[in-house]
Amino acid sequence: MADQSRAAMVYDAKKKSLLIAYLLWWFLGSLGIHRMYAGRMASGLVMLVLFVVSLVLTFVAVGVLGLLVIGAWWLVDAILLPGMIESYNLRLIDRVS
C-alpha cells in the first residue's frame, strides 16, 4: 500500500497540466516550448531552430516560408496538444508504477 501511495504522490508531482500546455502554446508556441513541456524535446527543438532561422532569413525574404510553416504547425498543435499531454502522463504512470 505504501508503494502505491508513493507512486500516486510522484505522479501528482510530475504530471503535466493541459491548461499550462495551452498557455505555453498560446504565448510561446511558435518557439516550440509547449512541445518541450509535453516531453517532445526533439520536435520542440526543431520548431525553435526553424523559428530562429526563419526569423533571421526574413531579412532576405526567404524566411517568410519558414514562418508560414511554423504558423501552420502551431495551429495543428492546438488540436494535438491534449493527446500529447495524455501520452506524457500515461508514460509517467508506467514509469512510477
PDB file of N, CA and C in Angstrom:
ATOM      1  N   MET A   1       0.817  -1.197   0.000  1.00  0.00           N
ATOM      2  CA  MET A   1       0.000   0.000   0.000  1.00  0.00           C
ATOM      3  C   MET A   1       0.864   1.266   0.000  1.00  0.00           C
ATOM      4  N   ALA A   2       1.970   1.228   0.725  1.00  0.00           N
ATOM      5  CA  ALA A   2       2.843   2.397   0.783  1.00  0.00           C
ATOM      6  C   ALA A   2       3.451   2.695  -0.579  1.00  0.00           C
ATOM      7  N   ASP A   3       3.761   1.640  -1.348  1.00  0.00           N
ATOM      8  CA  ASP A   3       4.317   1.841  -2.687  1.00  0.00           C
ATOM      9  C   ASP A   3       3.314   2.520  -3.602  1.00  0.00           C
ATOM     10  N   GLN A   4       2.041   2.153  -3.478  1.00  0.00           N
ATOM     11  CA  GLN A   4       1.002   2.772  -4.302  1.00  0.00           C
ATOM     12  C   GLN A   4       0.812   4.238  -3.925  1.00  0.00           C
ATOM     13  N   SER A   5       0.874   4.536  -2.648  1.00  0.00           N
ATOM     14  CA  SER A   5       0.739   5.926  -2.195  1.00  0.00           C
ATOM     15  C   SER A   5       1.907   6.762  -2.701  1.00  0.00           C
ATOM     16  N   ARG A   6       3.115   6.192  -2.623  1.00  0.00           N
ATOM     17  CA  ARG A   6       4.289   6.911  -3.097  1.00  0.00           C
ATOM     18  C   ARG A   6       4.205   7.127  -4.605  1.00  0.00           C
ATOM     19  N   ALA A   7       3.778   6.101  -5.343  1.00  0.00           N
ATOM     20  CA  ALA A   7       3.651   6.225  -6.792  1.00  0.00           C
ATOM     21  C   ALA A   7       2.619   7.294  -7.145  1.00  0.00           C
ATOM     22  N   ALA A   8       1.530   7.343  -6.405  1.00  0.00           N
ATOM     23  CA  ALA A   8       0.495   8.350  -6.658  1.00  0.00           C
ATOM     24  C   ALA A   8       1.033   9.755  -6.380  1.00  0.00           C
ATOM     25  N   MET A   9       1.822   9.886  -5.321  1.00  0.00           N
ATOM     26  CA  MET A   9       2.389  11.194  -4.996  1.00  0.00           C
ATOM     27  C   MET A   9       3.414  11.627  -6.046  1.00  0.00           C
ATOM     28  N   VAL A  10       4.218  10.698  -6.514  1.00  0.00           N
ATOM     29  CA  VAL A  10       5.203  11.020  -7.553  1.00  0.00           C
ATOM     30  C   VAL A  10       4.483  11.425  -8.833  1.00  0.00           C
ATOM     31  N   TYR A  11       3.420  10.685  -9.179  1.00  0.00           N
ATOM     32  CA  TYR A  11       2.649  11.024 -10.377  1.00  0.00           C
ATOM     33  C   TYR A  11       2.055  12.420 -10.262  1.00  0.00           C
ATOM     34  N   ASP A  12       1.435  12.721  -9.120  1.00  0.00           N
ATOM     35  CA  ASP A  12       0.825  14.039  -8.933  1.00  0.00           C
ATOM     36  C   ASP A  12       1.857  15.160  -9.013  1.00  0.00           C
ATOM     37  N   ALA A  13       3.049  14.892  -8.541  1.00  0.00           N
ATOM     38  CA  ALA A  13       4.095  15.913  -8.560  1.00  0.00           C
ATOM     39  C   ALA A  13       4.661  16.146  -9.961  1.00  0.00           C
ATOM     40  N   LYS A  14       4.676  15.106 -10.798  1.00  0.00           N
ATOM     41  CA  LYS A  14       5.340  15.209 -12.098  1.00  0.00           C
ATOM     42  C   LYS A  14       4.397  15.292 -13.289  1.00  0.00           C
ATOM     43  N   LYS A  15       3.096  15.117 -13.089  1.00  0.00           N
ATOM     44  CA  LYS A  15       2.180  15.130 -14.229  1.00  0.00           C
ATOM     45  C   LYS A  15       2.114  16.511 -14.857  1.00  0.00           C
ATOM     46  N   LYS A  16       1.762  16.556 -16.116  1.00  0.00           N
ATOM     47  CA  LYS A  16       1.677  17.803 -16.863  1.00  0.00           C
ATOM     48  C   LYS A  16       0.228  18.257 -16.941  1.00  0.00           C
ATOM     49  N   SER A  17       0.037  19.564 -16.917  1.00  0.00           N
ATOM     50  CA  SER A  17      -1.288  20.166 -16.954  1.00  0.00           C
ATOM     51  C   SER A  17      -1.626  20.614 -18.373  1.00  0.00           C
ATOM     52  N   LEU A  18      -2.832  20.295 -18.821  1.00  0.00           N
ATOM     53  CA  LEU A  18      -3.271  20.722 -20.142  1.00  0.00           C
ATOM     54  C   LEU A  18      -3.439  22.242 -20.189  1.00  0.00           C
ATOM     55  N   LEU A  19      -3.885  22.844 -19.103  1.00  0.00           N
ATOM     56  CA  LEU A  19      -4.039  24.301 -19.062  1.00  0.00           C
ATOM     57  C   LEU A  19      -2.694  24.999 -19.243  1.00  0.00           C
ATOM     58  N   ILE A  20      -1.685  24.541 -18.534  1.00  0.00           N
ATOM     59  CA  ILE A  20      -0.352  25.143 -18.678  1.00  0.00           C
ATOM     60  C   ILE A  20       0.179  24.913 -20.096  1.00  0.00           C
ATOM     61  N   ALA A  21      -0.075  23.730 -20.638  1.00  0.00           N
ATOM     62  CA  ALA A  21       0.366  23.438 -22.004  1.00  0.00           C
ATOM     63  C   ALA A  21      -0.274  24.404 -23.001  1.00  0.00           C
ATOM     64  N   TYR A  22      -1.572  24.671 -22.833  1.00  0.00           N
ATOM     65  CA  TYR A  22      -2.233  25.615 -23.745  1.00  0.00           C
ATOM     66  C   TYR A  22      -1.743  27.048 -23.538  1.00  0.00           C
ATOM     67  N   LEU A  23      -1.438  27.423 -22.313  1.00  0.00           N
ATOM     68  CA  LEU A  23      -0.880  28.758 -22.085  1.00  0.00           C
ATOM     69  C   LEU A  23       0.487  28.898 -22.750  1.00  0.00           C
ATOM     70  N   LEU A  24       1.313  27.871 -22.612  1.00  0.00           N
ATOM     71  CA  LEU A  24       2.611  27.885 -23.297  1.00  0.00           C
ATOM     72  C   LEU A  24       2.421  27.906 -24.816  1.00  0.00           C
ATOM     73  N   TRP A  25       1.446  27.132 -25.290  1.00  0.00           N
ATOM     74  CA  TRP A  25       1.158  27.099 -26.733  1.00  0.00           C
ATOM     75  C   TRP A  25       0.746  28.489 -27.223  1.00  0.00           C
ATOM     76  N   TRP A  26      -0.099  29.164 -26.474  1.00  0.00           N
ATOM     77  CA  TRP A  26      -0.600  30.459 -26.910  1.00  0.00           C
ATOM     78  C   TRP A  26       0.501  31.527 -26.912  1.00  0.00           C
ATOM     79  N   PHE A  27       1.280  31.583 -25.828  1.00  0.00           N
ATOM     80  CA  PHE A  27       2.249  32.663 -25.688  1.00  0.00           C
ATOM     81  C   PHE A  27       3.620  32.344 -26.279  1.00  0.00           C
ATOM     82  N   LEU A  28       4.059  31.088 -26.248  1.00  0.00           N
ATOM     83  CA  LEU A  28       5.394  30.717 -26.724  1.00  0.00           C
ATOM     84  C   LEU A  28       5.357  29.589 -27.747  1.00  0.00           C
ATOM     85  N   GLY A  29       4.199  29.380 -28.338  1.00  0.00           N
ATOM     86  CA  GLY A  29       4.001  28.244 -29.236  1.00  0.00           C
ATOM     87  C   GLY A  29       4.890  28.235 -30.454  1.00  0.00           C
ATOM     88  N   SER A  30       5.154  29.386 -31.020  1.00  0.00           N
ATOM     89  CA  SER A  30       5.992  29.407 -32.222  1.00  0.00           C
ATOM     90  C   SER A  30       7.440  29.047 -31.910  1.00  0.00           C
ATOM     91  N   LEU A  31       7.801  29.064 -30.631  1.00  0.00           N
ATOM     92  CA  LEU A  31       9.148  28.659 -30.226  1.00  0.00           C
ATOM     93  C   LEU A  31       9.223  27.180 -29.862  1.00  0.00           C
ATOM     94  N   GLY A  32       8.088  26.484 -29.840  1.00  0.00           N
ATOM     95  CA  GLY A  32       8.074  25.055 -29.534  1.00  0.00           C
ATOM     96  C   GLY A  32       8.140  24.729 -28.054  1.00  0.00           C
ATOM     97  N   ILE A  33       7.960  25.710 -27.195  1.00  0.00           N
ATOM     98  CA  ILE A  33       8.076  25.494 -25.753  1.00  0.00           C
ATOM     99  C   ILE A  33       6.993  24.535 -25.259  1.00  0.00           C
ATOM    100  N   HIS A  34       5.802  24.615 -25.831  1.00  0.00           N
ATOM    101  CA  HIS A  34       4.716  23.717 -25.420  1.00  0.00           C
ATOM    102  C   HIS A  34       5.055  22.265 -25.721  1.00  0.00           C
ATOM    103  N   ARG A  35       5.762  22.015 -26.813  1.00  0.00           N
ATOM    104  CA  ARG A  35       6.164  20.648 -27.156  1.00  0.00           C
ATOM    105  C   ARG A  35       7.215  20.138 -26.175  1.00  0.00           C
ATOM    106  N   MET A  36       8.139  20.994 -25.792  1.00  0.00           N
ATOM    107  CA  MET A  36       9.149  20.596 -24.810  1.00  0.00           C
ATOM    108  C   MET A  36       8.485  20.287 -23.468  1.00  0.00           C
ATOM    109  N   TYR A  37       7.498  21.084 -23.094  1.00  0.00           N
ATOM    110  CA  TYR A  37       6.761  20.851 -21.851  1.00  0.00           C
ATOM    111  C   TYR A  37       6.052  19.496 -21.892  1.00  0.00           C
ATOM    112  N   ALA A  38       5.561  19.116 -23.054  1.00  0.00           N
ATOM    113  CA  ALA A  38       4.840  17.851 -23.211  1.00  0.00           C
ATOM    114  C   ALA A  38       5.781  16.659 -23.396  1.00  0.00           C
ATOM    115  N   GLY A  39       7.077  16.875 -23.248  1.00  0.00           N
ATOM    116  CA  GLY A  39       8.024  15.776 -23.354  1.00  0.00           C
ATOM    117  C   GLY A  39       8.491  15.491 -24.768  1.00  0.00           C
ATOM    118  N   ARG A  40       8.151  16.330 -25.701  1.00  0.00           N
ATOM    119  CA  ARG A  40       8.561  16.158 -27.101  1.00  0.00           C
ATOM    120  C   ARG A  40       9.734  17.099 -27.387  1.00  0.00           C
ATOM    121  N   MET A  41      10.874  16.785 -26.779  1.00  0.00           N
ATOM    122  CA  MET A  41      12.035  17.668 -26.850  1.00  0.00           C
ATOM    123  C   MET A  41      12.569  17.840 -28.275  1.00  0.00           C
ATOM    124  N   ALA A  42      12.660  16.745 -29.015  1.00  0.00           N
ATOM    125  CA  ALA A  42      13.250  16.819 -30.358  1.00  0.00           C
ATOM    126  C   ALA A  42      12.428  17.726 -31.269  1.00  0.00           C
ATOM    127  N   SER A  43      11.112  17.503 -31.324  1.00  0.00           N
ATOM    128  CA  SER A  43      10.289  18.331 -32.213  1.00  0.00           C
ATOM    129  C   SER A  43      10.193  19.762 -31.692  1.00  0.00           C
ATOM    130  N   GLY A  44      10.253  19.945 -30.376  1.00  0.00           N
ATOM    131  CA  GLY A  44      10.271  21.294 -29.828  1.00  0.00           C
ATOM    132  C   GLY A  44      11.526  22.045 -30.222  1.00  0.00           C
ATOM    133  N   LEU A  45      12.662  21.366 -30.177  1.00  0.00           N
ATOM    134  CA  LEU A  45      13.922  21.994 -30.592  1.00  0.00           C
ATOM    135  C   LEU A  45      13.940  22.276 -32.089  1.00  0.00           C
ATOM    136  N   VAL A  46      13.360  21.368 -32.884  1.00  0.00           N
ATOM    137  CA  VAL A  46      13.272  21.604 -34.330  1.00  0.00           C
ATOM    138  C   VAL A  46      12.426  22.849 -34.594  1.00  0.00           C
ATOM    139  N   MET A  47      11.321  22.963 -33.882  1.00  0.00           N
ATOM    140  CA  MET A  47      10.454  24.124 -34.047  1.00  0.00           C
ATOM    141  C   MET A  47      11.175  25.412 -33.645  1.00  0.00           C
ATOM    142  N   LEU A  48      11.925  25.367 -32.565  1.00  0.00           N
ATOM    143  CA  LEU A  48      12.683  26.531 -32.098  1.00  0.00           C
ATOM    144  C   LEU A  48      13.743  26.936 -33.121  1.00  0.00           C
ATOM    145  N   VAL A  49      14.505  25.969 -33.611  1.00  0.00           N
ATOM    146  CA  VAL A  49      15.556  26.264 -34.595  1.00  0.00           C
ATOM    147  C   VAL A  49      14.937  26.795 -35.886  1.00  0.00           C
ATOM    148  N   LEU A  50      13.850  26.181 -36.343  1.00  0.00           N
ATOM    149  CA  LEU A  50      13.181  26.639 -37.563  1.00  0.00           C
ATOM    150  C   LEU A  50      12.693  28.074 -37.398  1.00  0.00           C
ATOM    151  N   PHE A  51      12.175  28.402 -36.225  1.00  0.00           N
ATOM    152  CA  PHE A  51      11.712  29.770 -35.983  1.00  0.00           C
ATOM    153  C   PHE A  51      12.869  30.762 -36.024  1.00  0.00           C
ATOM    154  N   VAL A  52      13.949  30.442 -35.341  1.00  0.00           N
ATOM    155  CA  VAL A  52      15.094  31.363 -35.288  1.00  0.00           C
ATOM    156  C   VAL A  52      15.703  31.545 -36.671  1.00  0.00           C
ATOM    157  N   VAL A  53      15.892  30.445 -37.395  1.00  0.00           N
ATOM    158  CA  VAL A  53      16.473  30.535 -38.742  1.00  0.00           C
ATOM    159  C   VAL A  53      15.539  31.319 -39.664  1.00  0.00           C
ATOM    160  N   SER A  54      14.246  31.055 -39.579  1.00  0.00           N
ATOM    161  CA  SER A  54      13.286  31.777 -40.424  1.00  0.00           C
ATOM    162  C   SER A  54      13.257  33.253 -40.092  1.00  0.00           C
ATOM    163  N   LEU A  55      13.352  33.572 -38.815  1.00  0.00           N
ATOM    164  CA  LEU A  55      13.356  34.975 -38.410  1.00  0.00           C
ATOM    165  C   LEU A  55      14.577  35.693 -38.970  1.00  0.00           C
ATOM    166  N   VAL A  56      15.729  35.044 -38.909  1.00  0.00           N
ATOM    167  CA  VAL A  56      16.949  35.638 -39.451  1.00  0.00           C
ATOM    168  C   VAL A  56      16.841  35.788 -40.970  1.00  0.00           C
ATOM    169  N   LEU A  57      16.301  34.762 -41.636  1.00  0.00           N
ATOM    170  CA  LEU A  57      16.204  34.796 -43.097  1.00  0.00           C
ATOM    171  C   LEU A  57      15.087  35.699 -43.602  1.00  0.00           C
ATOM    172  N   THR A  58      14.240  36.178 -42.713  1.00  0.00           N
ATOM    173  CA  THR A  58      13.171  37.079 -43.125  1.00  0.00           C
ATOM    174  C   THR A  58      13.745  38.361 -43.718  1.00  0.00           C
ATOM    175  N   PHE A  59      14.918  38.734 -43.271  1.00  0.00           N
ATOM    176  CA  PHE A  59      15.549  39.947 -43.785  1.00  0.00           C
ATOM    177  C   PHE A  59      15.935  39.812 -45.253  1.00  0.00           C
ATOM    178  N   VAL A  60      16.044  38.602 -45.755  1.00  0.00           N
ATOM    179  CA  VAL A  60      16.299  38.400 -47.176  1.00  0.00           C
ATOM    180  C   VAL A  60      15.075  37.776 -47.848  1.00  0.00           C
ATOM    181  N   ALA A  61      13.936  37.828 -47.182  1.00  0.00           N
ATOM    182  CA  ALA A  61      12.624  37.434 -47.697  1.00  0.00           C
ATOM    183  C   ALA A  61      12.429  35.929 -47.891  1.00  0.00           C
ATOM    184  N   VAL A  62      13.405  35.117 -47.547  1.00  0.00           N
ATOM    185  CA  VAL A  62      13.256  33.670 -47.679  1.00  0.00           C
ATOM    186  C   VAL A  62      12.599  33.086 -46.432  1.00  0.00           C
ATOM    187  N   GLY A  63      12.841  33.707 -45.291  1.00  0.00           N
ATOM    188  CA  GLY A  63      12.363  33.184 -44.023  1.00  0.00           C
ATOM    189  C   GLY A  63      10.865  33.220 -43.834  1.00  0.00           C
ATOM    190  N   VAL A  64      10.165  33.953 -44.680  1.00  0.00           N
ATOM    191  CA  VAL A  64       8.705  34.030 -44.569  1.00  0.00           C
ATOM    192  C   VAL A  64       8.086  32.648 -44.745  1.00  0.00           C
ATOM    193  N   LEU A  65       8.650  31.843 -45.621  1.00  0.00           N
ATOM    194  CA  LEU A  65       8.138  30.481 -45.815  1.00  0.00           C
ATOM    195  C   LEU A  65       8.257  29.665 -44.535  1.00  0.00           C
ATOM    196  N   GLY A  66       9.374  29.772 -43.858  1.00  0.00           N
ATOM    197  CA  GLY A  66       9.556  29.066 -42.598  1.00  0.00           C
ATOM    198  C   GLY A  66       8.570  29.535 -41.546  1.00  0.00           C
ATOM    199  N   LEU A  67       8.314  30.825 -41.505  1.00  0.00           N
ATOM    200  CA  LEU A  67       7.344  31.350 -40.544  1.00  0.00           C
ATOM    201  C   LEU A  67       5.928  30.875 -40.869  1.00  0.00           C
ATOM    202  N   LEU A  68       5.622  30.712 -42.147  1.00  0.00           N
ATOM    203  CA  LEU A  68       4.319  30.154 -42.530  1.00  0.00           C
ATOM    204  C   LEU A  68       4.192  28.701 -42.080  1.00  0.00           C
ATOM    205  N   VAL A  69       5.275  27.949 -42.214  1.00  0.00           N
ATOM    206  CA  VAL A  69       5.277  26.555 -41.754  1.00  0.00           C
ATOM    207  C   VAL A  69       5.087  26.510 -40.237  1.00  0.00           C
ATOM    208  N   ILE A  70       5.787  27.374 -39.523  1.00  0.00           N
ATOM    209  CA  ILE A  70       5.641  27.438 -38.066  1.00  0.00           C
ATOM    210  C   ILE A  70       4.202  27.787 -37.691  1.00  0.00           C
ATOM    211  N   GLY A  71       3.590  28.724 -38.410  1.00  0.00           N
ATOM    212  CA  GLY A  71       2.206  29.110 -38.133  1.00  0.00           C
ATOM    213  C   GLY A  71       1.245  27.954 -38.321  1.00  0.00           C
ATOM    214  N   ALA A  72       1.422  27.199 -39.393  1.00  0.00           N
ATOM    215  CA  ALA A  72       0.565  26.032 -39.627  1.00  0.00           C
ATOM    216  C   ALA A  72       0.790  24.967 -38.563  1.00  0.00           C
ATOM    217  N   TRP A  73       2.044  24.732 -38.230  1.00  0.00           N
ATOM    218  CA  TRP A  73       2.394  23.752 -37.201  1.00  0.00           C
ATOM    219  C   TRP A  73       1.767  24.150 -35.864  1.00  0.00           C
ATOM    220  N   TRP A  74       1.813  25.454 -35.548  1.00  0.00           N
ATOM    221  CA  TRP A  74       1.250  25.988 -34.323  1.00  0.00           C
ATOM    222  C   TRP A  74      -0.256  25.720 -34.259  1.00  0.00           C
ATOM    223  N   LEU A  75      -0.949  25.928 -35.367  1.00  0.00           N
ATOM    224  CA  LEU A  75      -2.396  25.680 -35.395  1.00  0.00           C
ATOM    225  C   LEU A  75      -2.726  24.197 -35.243  1.00  0.00           C
ATOM    226  N   VAL A  76      -1.976  23.336 -35.893  1.00  0.00           N
ATOM    227  CA  VAL A  76      -2.206  21.896 -35.778  1.00  0.00           C
ATOM    228  C   VAL A  76      -1.959  21.428 -34.351  1.00  0.00           C
ATOM    229  N   ASP A  77      -0.967  22.014 -33.698  1.00  0.00           N
ATOM    230  CA  ASP A  77      -0.669  21.636 -32.313  1.00  0.00           C
ATOM    231  C   ASP A  77      -1.813  21.959 -31.357  1.00  0.00           C
ATOM    232  N   ALA A  78      -2.656  22.914 -31.706  1.00  0.00           N
ATOM    233  CA  ALA A  78      -3.816  23.212 -30.858  1.00  0.00           C
ATOM    234  C   ALA A  78      -4.724  21.989 -30.753  1.00  0.00           C
ATOM    235  N   ILE A  79      -4.785  21.213 -31.807  1.00  0.00           N
ATOM    236  CA  ILE A  79      -5.616  20.005 -31.819  1.00  0.00           C
ATOM    237  C   ILE A  79      -4.870  18.829 -31.191  1.00  0.00           C
ATOM    238  N   LEU A  80      -3.569  18.755 -31.415  1.00  0.00           N
ATOM    239  CA  LEU A  80      -2.775  17.626 -30.941  1.00  0.00           C
ATOM    240  C   LEU A  80      -2.369  17.710 -29.475  1.00  0.00           C
ATOM    241  N   LEU A  81      -2.431  18.888 -28.894  1.00  0.00           N
ATOM    242  CA  LEU A  81      -1.914  19.106 -27.538  1.00  0.00           C
ATOM    243  C   LEU A  81      -2.561  18.220 -26.472  1.00  0.00           C
ATOM    244  N   PRO A  82      -3.874  18.032 -26.445  1.00  0.00           N
ATOM    245  CA  PRO A  82      -4.441  17.135 -25.418  1.00  0.00           C
ATOM    246  C   PRO A  82      -3.887  15.714 -25.500  1.00  0.00           C
ATOM    247  N   GLY A  83      -3.690  15.202 -26.696  1.00  0.00           N
ATOM    248  CA  GLY A  83      -3.122  13.870 -26.869  1.00  0.00           C
ATOM    249  C   GLY A  83      -1.676  13.802 -26.419  1.00  0.00           C
ATOM    250  N   MET A  84      -0.909  14.856 -26.669  1.00  0.00           N
ATOM    251  CA  MET A  84       0.485  14.874 -26.245  1.00  0.00           C
ATOM    252  C   MET A  84       0.591  14.841 -24.720  1.00  0.00           C
ATOM    253  N   ILE A  85      -0.250  15.622 -24.048  1.00  0.00           N
ATOM    254  CA  ILE A  85      -0.222  15.664 -22.583  1.00  0.00           C
ATOM    255  C   ILE A  85      -0.696  14.337 -22.006  1.00  0.00           C
ATOM    256  N   GLU A  86      -1.751  13.772 -22.592  1.00  0.00           N
ATOM    257  CA  GLU A  86      -2.238  12.471 -22.118  1.00  0.00           C
ATOM    258  C   GLU A  86      -1.181  11.392 -22.299  1.00  0.00           C
ATOM    259  N   SER A  87      -0.514  11.399 -23.431  1.00  0.00           N
ATOM    260  CA  SER A  87       0.541  10.426 -23.702  1.00  0.00           C
ATOM    261  C   SER A  87       1.685  10.567 -22.695  1.00  0.00           C
ATOM    262  N   TYR A  88       2.085  11.805 -22.409  1.00  0.00           N
ATOM    263  CA  TYR A  88       3.139  12.033 -21.420  1.00  0.00           C
ATOM    264  C   TYR A  88       2.720  11.486 -20.063  1.00  0.00           C
ATOM    265  N   ASN A  89       1.505  11.805 -19.645  1.00  0.00           N
ATOM    266  CA  ASN A  89       1.036  11.371 -18.330  1.00  0.00           C
ATOM    267  C   ASN A  89       0.895   9.848 -18.254  1.00  0.00           C
ATOM    268  N   LEU A  90       0.492   9.199 -19.340  1.00  0.00           N
ATOM    269  CA  LEU A  90       0.410   7.734 -19.342  1.00  0.00           C
ATOM    270  C   LEU A  90       1.793   7.104 -19.253  1.00  0.00           C
ATOM    271  N   ARG A  91       2.772   7.675 -19.955  1.00  0.00           N
ATOM    272  CA  ARG A  91       4.147   7.169 -19.843  1.00  0.00           C
ATOM    273  C   ARG A  91       4.670   7.366 -18.424  1.00  0.00           C
ATOM    274  N   LEU A  92       4.287   8.457 -17.799  1.00  0.00           N
ATOM    275  CA  LEU A  92       4.689   8.726 -16.427  1.00  0.00           C
ATOM    276  C   LEU A  92       4.092   7.689 -15.474  1.00  0.00           C
ATOM    277  N   ILE A  93       2.849   7.314 -15.689  1.00  0.00           N
ATOM    278  CA  ILE A  93       2.217   6.275 -14.864  1.00  0.00           C
ATOM    279  C   ILE A  93       3.000   4.966 -14.986  1.00  0.00           C
ATOM    280  N   ASP A  94       3.388   4.610 -16.220  1.00  0.00           N
ATOM    281  CA  ASP A  94       4.163   3.380 -16.418  1.00  0.00           C
ATOM    282  C   ASP A  94       5.504   3.437 -15.690  1.00  0.00           C
ATOM    283  N   ARG A  95       6.137   4.611 -15.667  1.00  0.00           N
ATOM    284  CA  ARG A  95       7.432   4.726 -15.008  1.00  0.00           C
ATOM    285  C   ARG A  95       7.325   4.646 -13.496  1.00  0.00           C
ATOM    286  N   VAL A  96       6.300   5.249 -12.912  1.00  0.00           N
ATOM    287  CA  VAL A  96       6.218   5.283 -11.445  1.00  0.00           C
ATOM    288  C   VAL A  96       5.565   4.055 -10.848  1.00  0.00           C
ATOM    289  N   SER A  97       4.862   3.282 -11.664  1.00  0.00           N
ATOM    290  CA  SER A  97       4.212   2.088 -11.087  1.00  0.00           C
ATOM    291  C   SER A  97       5.005   0.824 -11.326  1.00  0.00           C
TER     292      SER A  97
END
